[in-house]
PDB file of N, CA and C in Angstrom:
ATOM      1  N   MET A   1     -17.822  21.874  18.195  1.00  0.00           N
ATOM      2  CA  MET A   1     -16.074  21.419  17.668  1.00  0.00           C
ATOM      3  C   MET A   1     -16.235  20.482  18.633  1.00  0.00           C
ATOM      4  N   LYS A   2     -16.011  19.030  18.243  1.00  0.00           N
ATOM      5  CA  LYS A   2     -16.245  18.124  19.051  1.00  0.00           C
ATOM      6  C   LYS A   2     -13.792  18.226  20.087  1.00  0.00           C
ATOM      7  N   THR A   3     -14.312  18.202  21.362  1.00  0.00           N
ATOM      8  CA  THR A   3     -12.868  18.179  22.260  1.00  0.00           C
ATOM      9  C   THR A   3     -13.187  15.927  22.734  1.00  0.00           C
ATOM     10  N   VAL A   4     -11.064  15.839  22.675  1.00  0.00           N
ATOM     11  CA  VAL A   4     -11.308  14.376  22.756  1.00  0.00           C
ATOM     12  C   VAL A   4      -9.950  14.395  23.602  1.00  0.00           C
ATOM     13  N   THR A   5      -9.448  13.479  24.510  1.00  0.00           N
ATOM     14  CA  THR A   5      -8.224  13.205  25.336  1.00  0.00           C
ATOM     15  C   THR A   5      -7.638  13.045  24.356  1.00  0.00           C
ATOM     16  N   VAL A   6      -6.343  13.130  25.442  1.00  0.00           N
ATOM     17  CA  VAL A   6      -4.667  12.608  24.236  1.00  0.00           C
ATOM     18  C   VAL A   6      -4.687  11.479  24.457  1.00  0.00           C
ATOM     19  N   GLY A   7      -5.505  10.876  25.431  1.00  0.00           N
ATOM     20  CA  GLY A   7      -5.593   8.959  25.437  1.00  0.00           C
ATOM     21  C   GLY A   7      -6.575   8.608  24.042  1.00  0.00           C
ATOM     22  N   GLU A   8      -7.928   9.706  24.817  1.00  0.00           N
ATOM     23  CA  GLU A   8      -8.653   8.837  23.164  1.00  0.00           C
ATOM     24  C   GLU A   8      -8.190   8.816  21.549  1.00  0.00           C
ATOM     25  N   PHE A   9      -7.631   9.608  21.755  1.00  0.00           N
ATOM     26  CA  PHE A   9      -6.928  10.409  20.478  1.00  0.00           C
ATOM     27  C   PHE A   9      -5.575   9.516  20.487  1.00  0.00           C
ATOM     28  N   LYS A  10      -5.133   8.723  21.358  1.00  0.00           N
ATOM     29  CA  LYS A  10      -4.363   8.330  20.666  1.00  0.00           C
ATOM     30  C   LYS A  10      -5.356   6.588  20.309  1.00  0.00           C
ATOM     31  N   SER A  11      -5.366   6.180  21.146  1.00  0.00           N
ATOM     32  CA  SER A  11      -6.228   4.987  20.774  1.00  0.00           C
ATOM     33  C   SER A  11      -6.838   4.986  19.871  1.00  0.00           C
ATOM     34  N   LYS A  12      -7.590   5.981  19.346  1.00  0.00           N
ATOM     35  CA  LYS A  12      -8.315   5.754  18.141  1.00  0.00           C
ATOM     36  C   LYS A  12      -7.926   6.659  17.155  1.00  0.00           C
ATOM     37  N   PHE A  13      -6.383   6.949  17.168  1.00  0.00           N
ATOM     38  CA  PHE A  13      -5.989   7.805  16.070  1.00  0.00           C
ATOM     39  C   PHE A  13      -6.317   7.638  14.759  1.00  0.00           C
ATOM     40  N   THR A  14      -6.639   6.227  13.999  1.00  0.00           N
ATOM     41  CA  THR A  14      -7.388   6.059  12.956  1.00  0.00           C
ATOM     42  C   THR A  14      -8.582   6.566  12.515  1.00  0.00           C
ATOM     43  N   TYR A  15      -8.584   6.420  13.290  1.00  0.00           N
ATOM     44  CA  TYR A  15     -10.981   7.439  13.463  1.00  0.00           C
ATOM     45  C   TYR A  15     -11.013   9.013  13.436  1.00  0.00           C
ATOM     46  N   TYR A  16     -10.145   8.768  13.824  1.00  0.00           N
ATOM     47  CA  TYR A  16      -9.870  11.099  13.907  1.00  0.00           C
ATOM     48  C   TYR A  16      -9.083  11.376  12.337  1.00  0.00           C
ATOM     49  N   LEU A  17      -8.228  10.438  12.630  1.00  0.00           N
ATOM     50  CA  LEU A  17      -7.772  11.168  11.846  1.00  0.00           C
ATOM     51  C   LEU A  17      -8.807  10.761  10.051  1.00  0.00           C
ATOM     52  N   GLU A  18      -9.853   9.761   9.608  1.00  0.00           N
ATOM     53  CA  GLU A  18     -10.630   9.879   8.613  1.00  0.00           C
ATOM     54  C   GLU A  18     -11.615  10.867   8.867  1.00  0.00           C
ATOM     55  N   LYS A  19     -11.621  11.173  10.257  1.00  0.00           N
ATOM     56  CA  LYS A  19     -13.077  12.532  10.337  1.00  0.00           C
ATOM     57  C   LYS A  19     -12.236  13.378   9.972  1.00  0.00           C
ATOM     58  N   VAL A  20     -10.650  13.951  10.223  1.00  0.00           N
ATOM     59  CA  VAL A  20     -10.647  15.028   9.551  1.00  0.00           C
ATOM     60  C   VAL A  20     -10.077  14.780   8.465  1.00  0.00           C
ATOM     61  N   MET A  21     -10.344  13.412   7.630  1.00  0.00           N
ATOM     62  CA  MET A  21      -9.753  13.491   5.713  1.00  0.00           C
ATOM     63  C   MET A  21     -11.481  14.047   5.301  1.00  0.00           C
ATOM     64  N   LYS A  22     -12.661  13.466   6.097  1.00  0.00           N
ATOM     65  CA  LYS A  22     -14.384  14.032   5.587  1.00  0.00           C
ATOM     66  C   LYS A  22     -14.151  15.303   5.829  1.00  0.00           C
ATOM     67  N   GLY A  23     -13.293  16.227   6.965  1.00  0.00           N
ATOM     68  CA  GLY A  23     -13.411  17.684   6.458  1.00  0.00           C
ATOM     69  C   GLY A  23     -14.094  18.525   8.342  1.00  0.00           C
ATOM     70  N   GLU A  24     -14.239  17.189   8.300  1.00  0.00           N
ATOM     71  CA  GLU A  24     -14.197  17.839  10.364  1.00  0.00           C
ATOM     72  C   GLU A  24     -13.345  18.068  11.212  1.00  0.00           C
ATOM     73  N   GLU A  25     -13.511  18.915  12.233  1.00  0.00           N
ATOM     74  CA  GLU A  25     -12.105  19.767  13.378  1.00  0.00           C
ATOM     75  C   GLU A  25     -12.197  18.981  14.422  1.00  0.00           C
ATOM     76  N   PHE A  26     -11.126  19.331  15.184  1.00  0.00           N
ATOM     77  CA  PHE A  26     -11.740  18.094  16.403  1.00  0.00           C
ATOM     78  C   PHE A  26     -10.408  19.087  17.760  1.00  0.00           C
ATOM     79  N   ILE A  27     -10.718  19.239  19.016  1.00  0.00           N
ATOM     80  CA  ILE A  27      -9.647  19.940  20.020  1.00  0.00           C
ATOM     81  C   ILE A  27      -9.190  18.399  20.862  1.00  0.00           C
ATOM     82  N   VAL A  28      -7.941  18.719  21.115  1.00  0.00           N
ATOM     83  CA  VAL A  28      -7.859  17.253  21.847  1.00  0.00           C
ATOM     84  C   VAL A  28      -7.072  17.729  23.367  1.00  0.00           C
ATOM     85  N   ALA A  29      -7.221  17.030  24.106  1.00  0.00           N
ATOM     86  CA  ALA A  29      -7.590  17.976  25.743  1.00  0.00           C
ATOM     87  C   ALA A  29      -6.182  17.179  26.405  1.00  0.00           C
ATOM     88  N   TYR A  30      -5.433  18.089  27.111  1.00  0.00           N
ATOM     89  CA  TYR A  30      -4.001  17.408  28.217  1.00  0.00           C
ATOM     90  C   TYR A  30      -4.305  16.724  29.213  1.00  0.00           C
ATOM     91  N   GLY A  31      -4.051  15.506  30.181  1.00  0.00           N
ATOM     92  CA  GLY A  31      -4.495  16.331  31.434  1.00  0.00           C
ATOM     93  C   GLY A  31      -5.596  16.581  32.022  1.00  0.00           C
ATOM     94  N   ARG A  32      -5.557  16.517  34.221  1.00  0.00           N
ATOM     95  CA  ARG A  32      -6.709  16.491  33.810  1.00  0.00           C
ATOM     96  C   ARG A  32      -7.522  17.267  34.003  1.00  0.00           C
ATOM     97  N   LYS A  33      -6.587  18.324  34.259  1.00  0.00           N
ATOM     98  CA  LYS A  33      -7.660  19.571  33.887  1.00  0.00           C
ATOM     99  C   LYS A  33      -8.416  19.785  32.499  1.00  0.00           C
ATOM    100  N   LYS A  34      -8.668  18.658  31.688  1.00  0.00           N
ATOM    101  CA  LYS A  34      -8.294  18.617  29.960  1.00  0.00           C
ATOM    102  C   LYS A  34      -7.744  19.831  29.336  1.00  0.00           C
ATOM    103  N   LYS A  35      -6.795  21.001  29.550  1.00  0.00           N
ATOM    104  CA  LYS A  35      -6.774  22.109  29.253  1.00  0.00           C
ATOM    105  C   LYS A  35      -6.286  21.754  27.154  1.00  0.00           C
ATOM    106  N   LYS A  36      -6.907  22.437  26.619  1.00  0.00           N
ATOM    107  CA  LYS A  36      -7.212  22.550  25.175  1.00  0.00           C
ATOM    108  C   LYS A  36      -5.201  22.676  24.669  1.00  0.00           C
ATOM    109  N   VAL A  37      -4.738  21.971  24.062  1.00  0.00           N
ATOM    110  CA  VAL A  37      -3.225  21.581  23.761  1.00  0.00           C
ATOM    111  C   VAL A  37      -3.121  21.270  21.291  1.00  0.00           C
ATOM    112  N   ALA A  38      -4.480  21.109  21.223  1.00  0.00           N
ATOM    113  CA  ALA A  38      -4.387  21.427  19.444  1.00  0.00           C
ATOM    114  C   ALA A  38      -5.430  21.559  19.399  1.00  0.00           C
ATOM    115  N   LEU A  39      -5.547  22.278  18.030  1.00  0.00           N
ATOM    116  CA  LEU A  39      -6.662  21.654  17.257  1.00  0.00           C
ATOM    117  C   LEU A  39      -6.688  21.006  15.932  1.00  0.00           C
ATOM    118  N   PHE A  40      -7.078  20.417  15.138  1.00  0.00           N
ATOM    119  CA  PHE A  40      -7.174  18.983  14.154  1.00  0.00           C
ATOM    120  C   PHE A  40      -7.565  19.534  13.406  1.00  0.00           C
ATOM    121  N   SER A  41      -7.230  20.431  12.059  1.00  0.00           N
ATOM    122  CA  SER A  41      -8.574  19.950  10.979  1.00  0.00           C
ATOM    123  C   SER A  41      -8.091  19.901   9.456  1.00  0.00           C
ATOM    124  N   PRO A  42      -8.574  20.001   8.928  1.00  0.00           N
ATOM    125  CA  PRO A  42      -8.074  19.871   7.233  1.00  0.00           C
ATOM    126  C   PRO A  42      -7.092  20.830   6.602  1.00  0.00           C
ATOM    127  N   TYR A  43      -5.885  19.928   6.440  1.00  0.00           N
ATOM    128  CA  TYR A  43      -5.137  20.458   5.839  1.00  0.00           C
ATOM    129  C   TYR A  43      -5.034  21.916   4.600  1.00  0.00           C
ATOM    130  N   ALA A  44      -5.973  21.444   3.598  1.00  0.00           N
ATOM    131  CA  ALA A  44      -7.546  22.469   2.770  1.00  0.00           C
ATOM    132  C   ALA A  44      -7.743  22.931   3.132  1.00  0.00           C
ATOM    133  N   ASN A  45      -8.134  23.310   4.892  1.00  0.00           N
ATOM    134  CA  ASN A  45      -9.208  24.463   5.655  1.00  0.00           C
ATOM    135  C   ASN A  45      -8.107  25.450   6.242  1.00  0.00           C
ATOM    136  N   LYS A  46      -6.770  25.158   6.317  1.00  0.00           N
ATOM    137  CA  LYS A  46      -5.292  26.935   6.671  1.00  0.00           C
ATOM    138  C   LYS A  46      -4.993  27.869   5.579  1.00  0.00           C
ATOM    139  N   LYS A  47      -5.405  28.173   5.560  1.00  0.00           N
ATOM    140  CA  LYS A  47      -5.066  29.791   5.194  1.00  0.00           C
ATOM    141  C   LYS A  47      -4.106  30.540   5.600  1.00  0.00           C
ATOM    142  N   ARG A  48      -3.415  30.685   4.013  1.00  0.00           N
ATOM    143  CA  ARG A  48      -2.087  31.463   4.263  1.00  0.00           C
ATOM    144  C   ARG A  48      -1.882  33.261   4.075  1.00  0.00           C
ATOM    145  N   PRO A  49      -1.011  33.414   5.202  1.00  0.00           N
ATOM    146  CA  PRO A  49      -1.617  35.100   5.467  1.00  0.00           C
ATOM    147  C   PRO A  49      -1.329  35.392   4.111  1.00  0.00           C
ATOM    148  N   LEU A  50      -1.350  36.667   3.695  1.00  0.00           N
ATOM    149  CA  LEU A  50      -0.562  37.069   2.420  1.00  0.00           C
ATOM    150  C   LEU A  50       0.815  37.699   2.779  1.00  0.00           C
ATOM    151  N   ARG A  51       2.002  37.671   1.925  1.00  0.00           N
ATOM    152  CA  ARG A  51       2.679  38.105   1.586  1.00  0.00           C
ATOM    153  C   ARG A  51       2.693  39.446   1.650  1.00  0.00           C
ATOM    154  N   LYS A  52       3.377  40.104   2.355  1.00  0.00           N
ATOM    155  CA  LYS A  52       3.881  41.621   2.086  1.00  0.00           C
ATOM    156  C   LYS A  52       5.261  41.999   2.329  1.00  0.00           C
ATOM    157  N   LEU A  53       5.627  43.044   1.334  1.00  0.00           N
ATOM    158  CA  LEU A  53       7.296  43.728   0.688  1.00  0.00           C
ATOM    159  C   LEU A  53       7.835  44.277   1.677  1.00  0.00           C
ATOM    160  N   GLY A  54       7.005  45.065   2.810  1.00  0.00           N
ATOM    161  CA  GLY A  54       7.917  45.314   4.015  1.00  0.00           C
ATOM    162  C   GLY A  54       8.406  46.396   3.419  1.00  0.00           C
ATOM    163  N   PRO A  55       9.251  46.633   3.986  1.00  0.00           N
ATOM    164  CA  PRO A  55       9.752  48.254   3.815  1.00  0.00           C
ATOM    165  C   PRO A  55      10.551  49.084   2.602  1.00  0.00           C
ATOM    166  N   LEU A  56      10.355  47.361   1.414  1.00  0.00           N
ATOM    167  CA  LEU A  56      10.906  48.064   0.394  1.00  0.00           C
ATOM    168  C   LEU A  56       9.679  48.382  -0.571  1.00  0.00           C
ATOM    169  N   ASP A  57       8.041  48.303   0.055  1.00  0.00           N
ATOM    170  CA  ASP A  57       6.849  48.572  -0.663  1.00  0.00           C
ATOM    171  C   ASP A  57       6.779  49.388  -1.246  1.00  0.00           C
ATOM    172  N   GLY A  58       6.295  49.948  -2.581  1.00  0.00           N
ATOM    173  CA  GLY A  58       6.249  51.286  -3.669  1.00  0.00           C
ATOM    174  C   GLY A  58       8.113  51.855  -3.107  1.00  0.00           C
ATOM    175  N   LYS A  59       8.843  51.272  -3.749  1.00  0.00           N
ATOM    176  CA  LYS A  59      10.577  50.891  -3.711  1.00  0.00           C
ATOM    177  C   LYS A  59      10.957  50.876  -4.458  1.00  0.00           C
ATOM    178  N   VAL A  60      10.424  49.418  -5.007  1.00  0.00           N
ATOM    179  CA  VAL A  60      11.185  48.212  -5.129  1.00  0.00           C
ATOM    180  C   VAL A  60      10.202  47.801  -6.810  1.00  0.00           C
ATOM    181  N   THR A  61      10.787  47.873  -7.665  1.00  0.00           N
ATOM    182  CA  THR A  61      10.375  47.722  -9.108  1.00  0.00           C
ATOM    183  C   THR A  61      11.005  45.755  -9.260  1.00  0.00           C
ATOM    184  N   ILE A  62      10.349  45.423  -9.690  1.00  0.00           N
ATOM    185  CA  ILE A  62      11.548  43.593 -10.739  1.00  0.00           C
ATOM    186  C   ILE A  62      10.650  42.969 -11.734  1.00  0.00           C
ATOM    187  N   GLN A  63      11.361  43.240 -13.098  1.00  0.00           N
ATOM    188  CA  GLN A  63      10.895  42.886 -13.797  1.00  0.00           C
ATOM    189  C   GLN A  63      11.272  41.341 -14.219  1.00  0.00           C
ATOM    190  N   ILE A  64      10.619  40.735 -14.966  1.00  0.00           N
ATOM    191  CA  ILE A  64      10.693  39.280 -14.827  1.00  0.00           C
ATOM    192  C   ILE A  64      11.073  39.129 -16.853  1.00  0.00           C
ATOM    193  N   SER A  65      11.980  38.497 -17.447  1.00  0.00           N
ATOM    194  CA  SER A  65      12.217  38.466 -18.363  1.00  0.00           C
ATOM    195  C   SER A  65      10.759  36.999 -19.144  1.00  0.00           C
ATOM    196  N   ASP A  66      11.016  36.919 -20.335  1.00  0.00           N
ATOM    197  CA  ASP A  66       9.968  36.877 -21.043  1.00  0.00           C
ATOM    198  C   ASP A  66       9.664  35.265 -20.778  1.00  0.00           C
ATOM    199  N   ASP A  67      10.851  34.830 -21.078  1.00  0.00           N
ATOM    200  CA  ASP A  67      11.047  33.161 -21.231  1.00  0.00           C
ATOM    201  C   ASP A  67      10.769  33.017 -19.783  1.00  0.00           C
ATOM    202  N   TRP A  68      10.908  33.030 -18.552  1.00  0.00           N
ATOM    203  CA  TRP A  68      10.414  32.445 -17.147  1.00  0.00           C
ATOM    204  C   TRP A  68       8.926  31.314 -17.480  1.00  0.00           C
ATOM    205  N   GLU A  69      10.206  30.679 -16.626  1.00  0.00           N
ATOM    206  CA  GLU A  69       9.462  29.029 -16.279  1.00  0.00           C
ATOM    207  C   GLU A  69       8.783  29.220 -14.835  1.00  0.00           C
ATOM    208  N   MET A  70       8.824  29.893 -14.620  1.00  0.00           N
ATOM    209  CA  MET A  70       7.950  29.500 -12.744  1.00  0.00           C
ATOM    210  C   MET A  70       6.126  30.297 -13.072  1.00  0.00           C
ATOM    211  N   SER A  71       5.122  29.785 -12.932  1.00  0.00           N
ATOM    212  CA  SER A  71       4.631  30.007 -12.381  1.00  0.00           C
ATOM    213  C   SER A  71       4.882  31.830 -11.601  1.00  0.00           C
ATOM    214  N   ASP A  72       3.045  32.957 -11.566  1.00  0.00           N
ATOM    215  CA  ASP A  72       3.077  33.225  -9.917  1.00  0.00           C
ATOM    216  C   ASP A  72       3.056  32.337  -8.971  1.00  0.00           C
ATOM    217  N   GLU A  73       2.019  31.752  -9.107  1.00  0.00           N
ATOM    218  CA  GLU A  73       1.898  30.854  -7.545  1.00  0.00           C
ATOM    219  C   GLU A  73       3.008  29.835  -7.212  1.00  0.00           C
ATOM    220  N   GLU A  74       3.543  29.682  -7.864  1.00  0.00           N
ATOM    221  CA  GLU A  74       5.224  29.129  -7.451  1.00  0.00           C
ATOM    222  C   GLU A  74       6.117  29.873  -7.389  1.00  0.00           C
ATOM    223  N   LEU A  75       6.094  30.445  -7.629  1.00  0.00           N
ATOM    224  CA  LEU A  75       7.211  31.933  -6.913  1.00  0.00           C
ATOM    225  C   LEU A  75       6.954  32.416  -5.657  1.00  0.00           C
ATOM    226  N   ILE A  76       5.109  32.523  -5.294  1.00  0.00           N
ATOM    227  CA  ILE A  76       5.040  32.686  -3.803  1.00  0.00           C
ATOM    228  C   ILE A  76       5.135  31.701  -2.868  1.00  0.00           C
ATOM    229  N   ASN A  77       4.687  30.730  -3.882  1.00  0.00           N
ATOM    230  CA  ASN A  77       4.747  29.878  -2.959  1.00  0.00           C
ATOM    231  C   ASN A  77       5.549  28.774  -2.165  1.00  0.00           C
ATOM    232  N   ALA A  78       6.849  29.104  -2.871  1.00  0.00           N
ATOM    233  CA  ALA A  78       8.149  28.920  -2.624  1.00  0.00           C
ATOM    234  C   ALA A  78       8.950  28.911  -1.671  1.00  0.00           C
TER     235      ALA A  78
END
C-alpha cells in the first residue's frame, strides 16, 4: 500500500481521488516523522459490523404487519 505525505496528497488531490475510485488504497502521513494519520480506500470496501440486539437478545420478539412497506435492509440500515 502506497504512503503519501499530506503535502503531496493536498497538491494532487484529484489524482488520488481517481485512484481511490479505481479501487486503490493509500495512507496519508503527516509531519517530519511521517506519522500515519489516515487510510483512504473505496467506500464500497467499508465493512459494516452486524448490529446486535444486546441484553434483550432471546427475550424480545417483534411482529411486523403484512402491509409493512420497508425492506429488511432499509430497516437495518436506517
